[in-house]
């Protein structure tokens, strides 16, 4: 394959920026078009900057580009969940079986900026901002762009178009327009009845962390929850996941007094750390939570989708970015293996590798929402996590579902979903029959588990 071809990437988000680095390292000429302003020059977060949880799959993608060390310098390890009961009691639930298994809190904007800066260090990568994709002619390989500042339209041409333009992808919409009605075609978005609102716990004196720095904090309350992830400046980015409609919902918390009263009753130990609660609640937008499933991911050998453009998911497994970065690995591997056979072969093999796994992590993310808001407050669930840690520390071939998804990239999302759910059902049944894990014989349970499932 001629590496002098021009590659057009639509979307300068995380997946588009990382993929531009991969493509530049292979010598391609890369042009990245982004409809938003350059976030290095304008604040575009607007209360939608949900912190990210960078874990092993995403780190592996950064390592492939030789930039993991640089990126991780701005991350904060989170070694487990810190659960806040309604009475204010704290319970720490570790994520992994040892000190090397943790997830990393990282700023979405900070990471995106770092990736763009690294990409622009390559002579063949150029970013253009305020350029919205208006239409696509796949056969001609052209895109019509409209500049948000001047209002002027222009047409650009490239050998390949890569849609990395997120859940509302214009490239996916263009593929939809061409292929809709064909056998096997799929393009739908399923929204949760919940939305999200961003809040802030500011840092203390001299940038001190006011709550535990190395935890992902969760206030689970049945049909809703509040979470908090640490930032380098000592603050925490909090996100309220809350019903859009109903008795307790964004629709009913419509005055500052109602918001304050609700938080003081439901999240009492968080309130002292949220000095701008009511102002942020009404100033920050309410975001939607949806899952995108589509097929196919490509239009012949002309265009292909990556990241959220192909499979946006809800954020409850902390895998949206990691799954998108894993797309970049798969794409690069397919390019290396099948590049001499042409772009259509590359796209077909990439899609075959990723579609089943993207469907699996989408389902896992929704399941984990219910686990985080409901399950973590269930005593049987906490006993199960204790038992899993005992099994993981004693037997090298046992991995919890969370561990398979988060710490074992050699295990696919699809396999982690299948095996993990079967394990969870078995262990939860065991833990519901006892009041303490001390009553359990770990060796006996492992033998039963292995015979039944492994």
Protein backbone atom coordinates (compact mmCIF):
# COMPACT_ATOMS: atom_id res chain seq x y z
CA UNK A 1 0.00 0.00 0.00
CA UNK A 2 1.26 3.43 -0.97
CA UNK A 3 1.98 5.28 2.26
CA UNK A 4 1.92 8.60 0.41
CA UNK A 5 -1.87 8.41 0.23
CA UNK A 6 -3.82 11.15 1.97
CA UNK A 7 -5.94 9.92 4.87
CA UNK A 8 -8.84 12.08 6.01
CA UNK A 9 -9.89 11.65 9.65
CA UNK A 10 -13.13 13.36 10.65
CA UNK A 11 -13.03 14.06 14.39
CA UNK A 12 -10.10 15.22 16.53
CA UNK A 13 -11.26 13.52 19.70
CA UNK A 14 -9.39 10.76 21.50
CA UNK A 15 -9.72 8.01 18.89
CA UNK A 16 -9.08 10.29 15.93
CA UNK A 17 -6.03 11.86 17.53
CA UNK A 18 -4.46 8.54 18.54
CA UNK A 19 -5.19 6.98 15.15
CA UNK A 20 -3.57 9.95 13.43
CA UNK A 21 -0.40 9.13 15.39
CA UNK A 22 -0.55 5.49 14.28
CA UNK A 23 -1.07 6.49 10.65
CA UNK A 24 1.71 9.08 10.73
CA UNK A 25 4.10 6.47 12.12
CA UNK A 26 3.34 4.42 9.01
CA UNK A 27 4.18 7.39 6.79
CA UNK A 28 0.70 8.40 5.65
CA UNK A 29 -0.26 12.01 5.03
CA UNK A 30 -3.04 12.68 7.57
CA UNK A 31 -5.54 15.52 7.66
CA UNK A 32 -7.83 15.73 10.70
CA UNK A 33 -10.99 17.83 10.51
CA UNK A 34 -12.86 18.81 13.69
CA UNK A 35 -16.16 20.72 13.85
CA UNK A 36 -15.39 22.19 17.29
CA UNK A 37 -12.83 24.92 18.05
CA UNK A 38 -9.31 23.94 19.05
CA UNK A 39 -9.63 23.02 22.74
CA UNK A 40 -6.07 24.22 23.27
CA UNK A 41 -7.32 27.75 22.56
CA UNK A 42 -10.95 27.65 23.71
CA UNK A 43 -12.74 26.00 26.65
CA UNK A 44 -15.29 23.65 25.07
CA UNK A 45 -16.00 21.27 27.97
CA UNK A 46 -19.19 23.12 29.05
CA UNK A 47 -19.80 20.82 32.00
CA UNK A 48 -19.47 17.65 29.94
CA UNK A 49 -15.90 16.64 30.75
CA UNK A 50 -16.60 13.36 32.58
CA UNK A 51 -13.21 12.17 33.79
CA UNK A 52 -11.90 9.04 32.17
CA UNK A 53 -10.66 5.80 33.68
CA UNK A 54 -7.59 4.73 31.74
CA UNK A 55 -6.88 1.03 32.23
CA UNK A 56 -4.77 -1.74 30.74
CA UNK A 57 -6.42 -1.90 27.29
CA UNK A 58 -5.99 1.82 26.76
CA UNK A 59 -2.47 1.80 28.17
CA UNK A 60 -1.54 -0.97 25.73
CA UNK A 61 -2.66 1.28 22.86
CA UNK A 62 -0.53 4.15 24.17
CA UNK A 63 2.44 1.80 24.58
CA UNK A 64 2.08 0.77 20.92
CA UNK A 65 2.64 4.44 20.04
CA UNK A 66 5.48 4.75 22.61
CA UNK A 67 3.65 7.50 24.52
CA UNK A 68 2.26 5.68 27.59
CA UNK A 69 4.86 7.01 30.02
CA UNK A 70 4.21 10.60 28.95
CA UNK A 71 0.43 10.25 29.25
CA UNK A 72 0.46 8.39 32.59
CA UNK A 73 2.51 11.19 34.17
CA UNK A 74 -0.77 13.15 34.30
CA UNK A 75 -2.94 10.33 35.67
CA UNK A 76 -3.95 9.50 39.25
CA UNK A 77 -4.16 5.82 40.27
CA UNK A 78 -7.51 4.73 41.70
CA UNK A 79 -7.07 1.44 43.55
CA UNK A 80 -10.71 0.74 44.31
CA UNK A 81 -14.21 1.99 44.91
CA UNK A 82 -14.90 4.02 48.05
CA UNK A 83 -18.57 3.43 48.82
CA UNK A 84 -20.43 6.11 50.78
CA UNK A 85 -23.53 4.85 52.58
CA UNK A 86 -26.51 7.13 53.18
CA UNK A 87 -25.40 7.34 56.84
CA UNK A 88 -21.90 8.40 55.75
CA UNK A 89 -20.09 5.12 56.47
CA UNK A 90 -17.18 4.32 54.13
CA UNK A 91 -16.38 0.93 52.59
CA UNK A 92 -13.33 0.46 50.39
CA UNK A 93 -13.58 -2.25 47.71
CA UNK A 94 -10.25 -2.85 45.87
CA UNK A 95 -10.37 -3.25 42.10
CA UNK A 96 -7.57 -5.74 41.62
CA UNK A 97 -5.80 -8.55 43.38
CA UNK A 98 -2.50 -6.70 43.82
CA UNK A 99 -0.92 -3.25 43.75
CA UNK A 100 -0.36 -3.38 39.98
CA UNK A 101 -4.07 -3.65 39.22
CA UNK A 102 -5.68 -0.23 39.36
CA UNK A 103 -7.35 2.22 37.03
CA UNK A 104 -6.19 5.75 36.33
CA UNK A 105 -8.21 8.95 36.56
CA UNK A 106 -7.29 11.24 33.70
CA UNK A 107 -8.75 14.44 32.32
CA UNK A 108 -10.53 13.95 29.00
CA UNK A 109 -9.49 17.40 27.80
CA UNK A 110 -5.94 17.06 29.07
CA UNK A 111 -5.49 13.69 27.37
CA UNK A 112 -7.00 14.94 24.11
CA UNK A 113 -4.68 17.95 24.08
CA UNK A 114 -1.65 15.74 24.75
CA UNK A 115 -2.57 13.40 21.88
CA UNK A 116 -3.09 16.29 19.46
CA UNK A 117 0.25 17.81 20.42
CA UNK A 118 2.03 14.50 19.89
CA UNK A 119 0.26 13.97 16.56
CA UNK A 120 1.26 17.44 15.35
CA UNK A 121 4.90 16.63 16.09
CA UNK A 122 4.74 14.49 12.93
CA UNK A 123 5.30 16.51 9.74
CA UNK A 124 2.56 14.67 7.86
CA UNK A 125 -0.26 15.36 10.35
CA UNK A 126 -2.38 18.50 10.15
CA UNK A 127 -5.41 19.45 12.28
CA UNK A 128 -8.13 21.80 11.03
CA UNK A 129 -10.79 23.10 13.44
CA UNK A 130 -14.26 24.63 13.10
CA UNK A 131 -14.74 22.41 10.05
CA UNK A 132 -18.09 20.56 10.09
CA UNK A 133 -18.75 17.68 7.72
CA UNK A 134 -21.84 18.56 5.66
CA UNK A 135 -21.91 15.70 3.15
CA UNK A 136 -19.81 12.82 1.81
CA UNK A 137 -19.37 11.33 -1.66
CA UNK A 138 -17.78 7.97 -0.91
CA UNK A 139 -17.22 6.97 -4.53
CA UNK A 140 -15.37 10.19 -5.27
CA UNK A 141 -13.63 10.17 -1.88
CA UNK A 142 -14.73 13.72 -1.17
CA UNK A 143 -16.17 15.53 1.84
CA UNK A 144 -17.92 18.88 1.86
CA UNK A 145 -16.95 20.98 4.87
CA UNK A 146 -18.47 24.16 6.26
CA UNK A 147 -16.36 26.50 8.37
CA UNK A 148 -18.16 27.57 11.56
CA UNK A 149 -16.42 30.96 11.65
CA UNK A 150 -16.59 32.10 8.03
CA UNK A 151 -19.63 30.10 6.93
CA UNK A 152 -17.74 29.17 3.78
CA UNK A 153 -17.97 25.66 2.29
CA UNK A 154 -15.25 23.72 0.55
CA UNK A 155 -14.60 20.24 -0.74
CA UNK A 156 -11.65 18.05 0.18
CA UNK A 157 -10.53 14.75 -1.27
CA UNK A 158 -8.58 11.80 0.10
CA UNK A 159 -7.96 8.15 -0.63
CA UNK A 160 -9.59 7.04 2.62
CA UNK A 161 -12.10 8.64 5.01
CA UNK A 162 -12.04 7.61 8.68
CA UNK A 163 -15.03 8.60 10.81
CA UNK A 164 -13.84 9.28 14.36
CA UNK A 165 -16.51 11.89 14.97
CA UNK A 166 -18.27 10.46 18.00
CA UNK A 167 -21.76 9.29 18.83
CA UNK A 168 -23.38 11.81 16.47
CA UNK A 169 -21.08 10.82 13.62
CA UNK A 170 -21.70 12.53 10.27
CA UNK A 171 -19.73 9.76 8.57
CA UNK A 172 -21.96 7.08 10.12
CA UNK A 173 -25.01 9.05 8.98
CA UNK A 174 -23.61 9.17 5.45
CA UNK A 175 -23.02 5.40 5.45
CA UNK A 176 -26.57 5.01 6.77
CA UNK A 177 -27.89 7.03 3.84
CA UNK A 178 -26.11 4.78 1.35
CA UNK A 179 -26.72 1.35 2.89
CA UNK A 180 -30.00 1.60 4.80
CA UNK A 181 -32.37 -1.23 3.93
CA UNK A 182 -29.66 -3.73 3.02
CA UNK A 183 -29.61 -7.14 4.72
CA UNK A 184 -27.93 -7.02 8.13
CA UNK A 185 -27.85 -3.24 8.22
CA UNK A 186 -28.05 -1.75 11.72
CA UNK A 187 -27.92 1.81 13.04
CA UNK A 188 -29.68 2.58 16.30
CA UNK A 189 -29.12 4.48 19.51
CA UNK A 190 -30.66 3.27 22.78
CA UNK A 191 -30.93 5.89 25.51
CA UNK A 192 -31.13 5.22 29.23
CA UNK A 193 -33.92 6.88 31.15
CA UNK A 194 -31.11 8.48 33.15
CA UNK A 195 -29.02 11.52 32.31
CA UNK A 196 -25.96 13.01 33.98
CA UNK A 197 -24.94 16.29 35.56
CA UNK A 198 -21.39 17.35 36.35
CA UNK A 199 -20.49 18.89 39.73
CA UNK A 200 -17.18 19.80 41.38
CA UNK A 201 -15.46 19.12 44.69
CA UNK A 202 -12.78 21.85 44.78
CA UNK A 203 -9.34 21.30 46.25
CA UNK A 204 -8.52 22.28 49.81
CA UNK A 205 -5.76 24.56 51.03
CA UNK A 206 -2.58 24.33 48.94
CA UNK A 207 -4.26 21.90 46.53
CA UNK A 208 -5.08 19.30 49.18
CA UNK A 209 -7.49 16.47 48.37
CA UNK A 210 -10.51 16.70 50.66
CA UNK A 211 -11.50 13.05 50.24
CA UNK A 212 -9.38 9.98 49.52
CA UNK A 213 -7.23 10.69 46.48
CA UNK A 214 -6.75 7.15 45.19
CA UNK A 215 -10.35 5.97 45.05
CA UNK A 216 -13.29 6.24 42.72
CA UNK A 217 -15.95 7.48 45.12
CA UNK A 218 -19.51 6.20 44.73
CA UNK A 219 -22.67 7.21 46.57
CA UNK A 220 -25.01 4.36 45.45
CA UNK A 221 -28.68 5.11 46.07
CA UNK A 222 -30.73 2.52 44.24
CA UNK A 223 -32.13 4.18 41.13
CA UNK A 224 -29.41 6.84 41.01
CA UNK A 225 -25.86 7.56 42.17
CA UNK A 226 -23.16 10.17 42.53
CA UNK A 227 -19.52 9.43 41.66
CA UNK A 228 -16.28 11.42 42.04
CA UNK A 229 -12.90 11.03 40.32
CA UNK A 230 -9.72 12.87 41.37
CA UNK A 231 -7.91 15.56 39.36
CA UNK A 232 -4.26 16.56 39.53
CA UNK A 233 -5.09 19.95 41.08
CA UNK A 234 -6.68 18.34 44.15
CA UNK A 235 -10.25 18.73 42.96
CA UNK A 236 -12.71 15.95 42.08
CA UNK A 237 -14.98 15.82 39.06
CA UNK A 238 -18.35 14.57 40.32
CA UNK A 239 -21.11 13.18 38.15
CA UNK A 240 -24.70 12.70 39.22
CA UNK A 241 -26.42 9.91 37.26
CA UNK A 242 -30.09 10.58 37.77
CA UNK A 243 -33.49 9.82 36.19
CA UNK A 244 -34.63 12.39 33.64
CA UNK A 245 -38.27 12.07 34.74
CA UNK A 246 -40.15 10.85 37.83
CA UNK A 247 -40.51 11.62 41.51
CA UNK A 248 -36.80 12.19 42.12
CA UNK A 249 -35.43 13.37 38.79
CA UNK A 250 -33.89 16.23 36.88
CA UNK A 251 -37.42 17.26 35.97
CA UNK A 252 -38.54 17.61 39.61
CA UNK A 253 -35.38 19.17 41.10
CA UNK A 254 -36.27 22.48 39.53
CA UNK A 255 -35.35 25.00 42.26
CA UNK A 256 -32.20 25.61 44.32
CA UNK A 257 -34.07 24.80 47.54
CA UNK A 258 -35.22 21.44 46.18
CA UNK A 259 -31.70 20.56 45.04
CA UNK A 260 -30.18 21.51 48.39
CA UNK A 261 -32.82 19.60 50.38
CA UNK A 262 -32.46 16.50 48.21
CA UNK A 263 -28.66 16.42 48.49
CA UNK A 264 -28.74 17.03 52.24
CA UNK A 265 -31.02 14.03 52.64
CA UNK A 266 -29.48 11.70 50.05
CA UNK A 267 -25.79 12.64 49.78
CA UNK A 268 -25.31 14.32 53.16
CA UNK A 269 -21.58 13.58 53.55
CA UNK A 270 -20.87 15.01 50.07
CA UNK A 271 -22.67 18.32 50.61
CA UNK A 272 -19.89 20.00 52.68
CA UNK A 273 -17.51 19.40 49.76
CA UNK A 274 -19.84 20.90 47.12
CA UNK A 275 -19.82 24.66 47.80
CA UNK A 276 -21.16 25.53 44.33
CA UNK A 277 -23.77 22.77 44.29
CA UNK A 278 -26.89 24.68 43.31
CA UNK A 279 -25.12 27.02 40.89
CA UNK A 280 -23.41 24.15 39.05
CA UNK A 281 -26.59 22.10 39.09
CA UNK A 282 -28.43 24.73 37.08
CA UNK A 283 -25.50 26.11 35.08
CA UNK A 284 -24.19 22.78 33.80
CA UNK A 285 -26.12 20.93 31.10
CA UNK A 286 -27.87 17.61 31.60
CA UNK A 287 -26.19 15.07 29.36
CA UNK A 288 -27.78 12.09 27.63
CA UNK A 289 -26.61 8.50 28.13
CA UNK A 290 -26.91 6.28 25.09
CA UNK A 291 -25.53 3.21 23.34
CA UNK A 292 -24.82 3.24 19.59
CA UNK A 293 -24.92 -0.02 17.65
CA UNK A 294 -24.34 -0.02 13.91
CA UNK A 295 -23.33 -2.34 11.07
CA UNK A 296 -21.46 -2.28 8.78
CA UNK A 297 -18.65 -0.09 10.03
CA UNK A 298 -17.29 0.63 6.56
CA UNK A 299 -18.36 1.58 3.06
CA UNK A 300 -16.38 -0.69 0.78
CA UNK A 301 -12.76 0.38 0.80
CA UNK A 302 -13.67 4.06 0.89
CA UNK A 303 -14.55 4.83 4.53
CA UNK A 304 -14.54 3.27 8.00
CA UNK A 305 -15.70 4.11 11.52
CA UNK A 306 -13.68 3.97 14.75
CA UNK A 307 -14.42 4.65 18.41
CA UNK A 308 -17.72 6.18 19.48
CA UNK A 309 -18.73 6.73 15.86
CA UNK A 310 -19.07 2.95 15.60
CA UNK A 311 -20.00 1.98 19.16
CA UNK A 312 -20.63 4.74 21.69
CA UNK A 313 -21.40 3.26 25.10
CA UNK A 314 -22.53 4.48 28.51
CA UNK A 315 -19.63 5.26 30.90
CA UNK A 316 -20.28 2.74 33.67
CA UNK A 317 -17.44 0.31 33.03
CA UNK A 318 -14.91 3.05 32.39
CA UNK A 319 -14.18 1.40 29.04
CA UNK A 320 -15.43 3.84 26.39
CA UNK A 321 -12.02 5.36 25.76
CA UNK A 322 -10.23 2.05 26.33
CA UNK A 323 -12.46 0.31 23.78
CA UNK A 324 -11.84 3.11 21.27
CA UNK A 325 -8.10 2.87 21.81
CA UNK A 326 -8.34 -0.90 21.33
CA UNK A 327 -10.00 -0.14 17.97
CA UNK A 328 -6.86 1.77 17.03
CA UNK A 329 -4.68 -1.24 17.89
CA UNK A 330 -6.88 -3.58 15.82
CA UNK A 331 -6.94 -1.15 12.91
CA UNK A 332 -3.17 -0.78 12.95
CA UNK A 333 -2.67 -4.54 13.18
CA UNK A 334 -5.01 -5.14 10.25
CA UNK A 335 -3.25 -2.47 8.23
CA UNK A 336 0.07 -4.18 8.91
CA UNK A 337 -1.27 -7.65 8.06
CA UNK A 338 -3.61 -6.92 5.15
CA UNK A 339 -2.39 -3.59 3.77
CA UNK A 340 -1.06 -5.13 0.57
CA UNK A 341 -4.56 -6.48 -0.20
CA UNK A 342 -6.16 -3.04 -0.15
CA UNK A 343 -8.29 -0.93 2.13
CA UNK A 344 -11.48 -2.99 1.79
CA UNK A 345 -9.71 -6.06 3.15
CA UNK A 346 -8.25 -4.02 6.00
CA UNK A 347 -11.68 -2.63 6.89
CA UNK A 348 -13.40 -6.02 6.71
CA UNK A 349 -10.88 -7.70 8.99
CA UNK A 350 -10.90 -4.78 11.44
CA UNK A 351 -14.71 -4.90 11.61
CA UNK A 352 -14.67 -8.66 12.12
CA UNK A 353 -12.28 -8.27 15.05
CA UNK A 354 -14.14 -5.47 16.77
CA UNK A 355 -17.90 -5.72 16.19
CA UNK A 356 -18.65 -8.60 18.60
CA UNK A 357 -16.38 -7.09 21.23
CA UNK A 358 -17.92 -3.63 20.96
CA UNK A 359 -21.38 -5.17 21.38
CA UNK A 360 -20.14 -7.04 24.45
CA UNK A 361 -18.65 -3.99 26.19
CA UNK A 362 -21.81 -2.01 25.42
CA UNK A 363 -23.87 -4.63 27.25
CA UNK A 364 -21.32 -4.86 30.07
CA UNK A 365 -21.45 -1.09 30.57
CA UNK A 366 -25.22 -1.05 31.01
CA UNK A 367 -25.03 -4.05 33.37
CA UNK A 368 -22.37 -2.31 35.43
CA UNK A 369 -24.59 0.74 35.84
CA UNK A 370 -27.07 -1.36 37.74
CA UNK A 371 -24.27 -3.01 39.71
CA UNK A 372 -22.75 0.34 40.71
CA UNK A 373 -26.00 1.97 41.77
CA UNK A 374 -27.70 -1.13 43.29
CA UNK A 375 -25.31 -4.05 43.68
CA UNK A 376 -22.52 -2.36 45.61
CA UNK A 377 -24.98 -1.66 48.44
CA UNK A 378 -25.98 -5.34 48.60
CA UNK A 379 -24.14 -7.22 51.41
CA UNK A 380 -24.05 -10.36 49.24
CA UNK A 381 -22.29 -8.37 46.50
CA UNK A 382 -19.64 -7.16 48.95
CA UNK A 383 -19.12 -10.74 50.17
CA UNK A 384 -18.78 -11.83 46.54
CA UNK A 385 -16.05 -9.25 45.97
CA UNK A 386 -14.22 -10.49 49.07
CA UNK A 387 -14.50 -14.06 47.83
CA UNK A 388 -13.29 -13.08 44.36
CA UNK A 389 -10.21 -11.42 45.82
CA UNK A 390 -9.48 -14.59 47.79
CA UNK A 391 -9.85 -16.69 44.64
CA UNK A 392 -7.74 -14.32 42.53
CA UNK A 393 -4.93 -14.20 45.07
CA UNK A 394 -4.81 -17.96 45.48
CA UNK A 395 -5.39 -19.20 41.92
CA UNK A 396 -3.60 -17.70 38.93
CA UNK A 397 -6.22 -18.92 36.46
CA UNK A 398 -9.15 -17.25 38.22
CA UNK A 399 -10.11 -13.74 37.11
CA UNK A 400 -13.21 -11.83 38.16
CA UNK A 401 -15.38 -10.31 35.44
CA UNK A 402 -14.11 -6.85 36.36
CA UNK A 403 -10.52 -8.06 36.21
CA UNK A 404 -11.03 -9.71 32.81
CA UNK A 405 -12.49 -6.53 31.37
CA UNK A 406 -10.15 -4.05 33.02
CA UNK A 407 -6.80 -5.73 33.64
CA UNK A 408 -6.58 -8.57 31.07
CA UNK A 409 -6.58 -7.21 27.50
CA UNK A 410 -5.62 -10.68 26.22
CA UNK A 411 -9.19 -11.72 27.12
CA UNK A 412 -11.65 -10.21 24.65
CA UNK A 413 -14.64 -8.21 25.81
CA UNK A 414 -16.93 -10.88 24.38
CA UNK A 415 -15.23 -13.66 26.34
CA UNK A 416 -15.10 -11.56 29.52
CA UNK A 417 -18.83 -10.91 29.26
CA UNK A 418 -19.73 -14.55 28.72
CA UNK A 419 -17.39 -16.04 31.34
CA UNK A 420 -17.77 -13.21 33.85
CA UNK A 421 -21.56 -13.34 34.02
CA UNK A 422 -21.53 -17.09 34.58
CA UNK A 423 -18.99 -16.72 37.39
CA UNK A 424 -20.96 -13.91 39.01
CA UNK A 425 -24.19 -15.89 39.06
CA UNK A 426 -22.43 -18.84 40.67
CA UNK A 427 -20.58 -16.80 43.32
CA UNK A 428 -23.54 -14.60 44.22
CA UNK A 429 -25.64 -17.67 44.88
CA UNK A 430 -22.91 -18.96 47.20
CA UNK A 431 -22.57 -15.64 49.03
CA UNK A 432 -26.30 -15.20 49.58
CA UNK A 433 -26.31 -18.39 51.65
CA UNK A 434 -23.78 -17.18 54.23
CA UNK A 435 -23.34 -14.18 56.52
CA UNK A 436 -19.56 -14.05 56.17
CA UNK A 437 -16.95 -15.32 53.72
CA UNK A 438 -15.19 -16.86 56.73
CA UNK A 439 -17.83 -19.58 56.55
CA UNK A 440 -16.69 -20.57 53.05
CA UNK A 441 -14.09 -23.12 51.97
CA UNK A 442 -12.28 -21.33 49.15
CA UNK A 443 -10.62 -24.48 47.79
CA UNK A 444 -13.94 -26.26 47.60
CA UNK A 445 -15.62 -23.33 45.87
CA UNK A 446 -12.76 -23.06 43.36
CA UNK A 447 -13.08 -26.77 42.52
CA UNK A 448 -16.85 -26.42 42.05
CA UNK A 449 -16.41 -23.29 39.98
CA UNK A 450 -13.76 -24.82 37.78
CA UNK A 451 -15.81 -27.96 37.20
CA UNK A 452 -18.93 -25.99 36.38
CA UNK A 453 -17.58 -23.02 34.45
CA UNK A 454 -13.88 -22.81 33.77
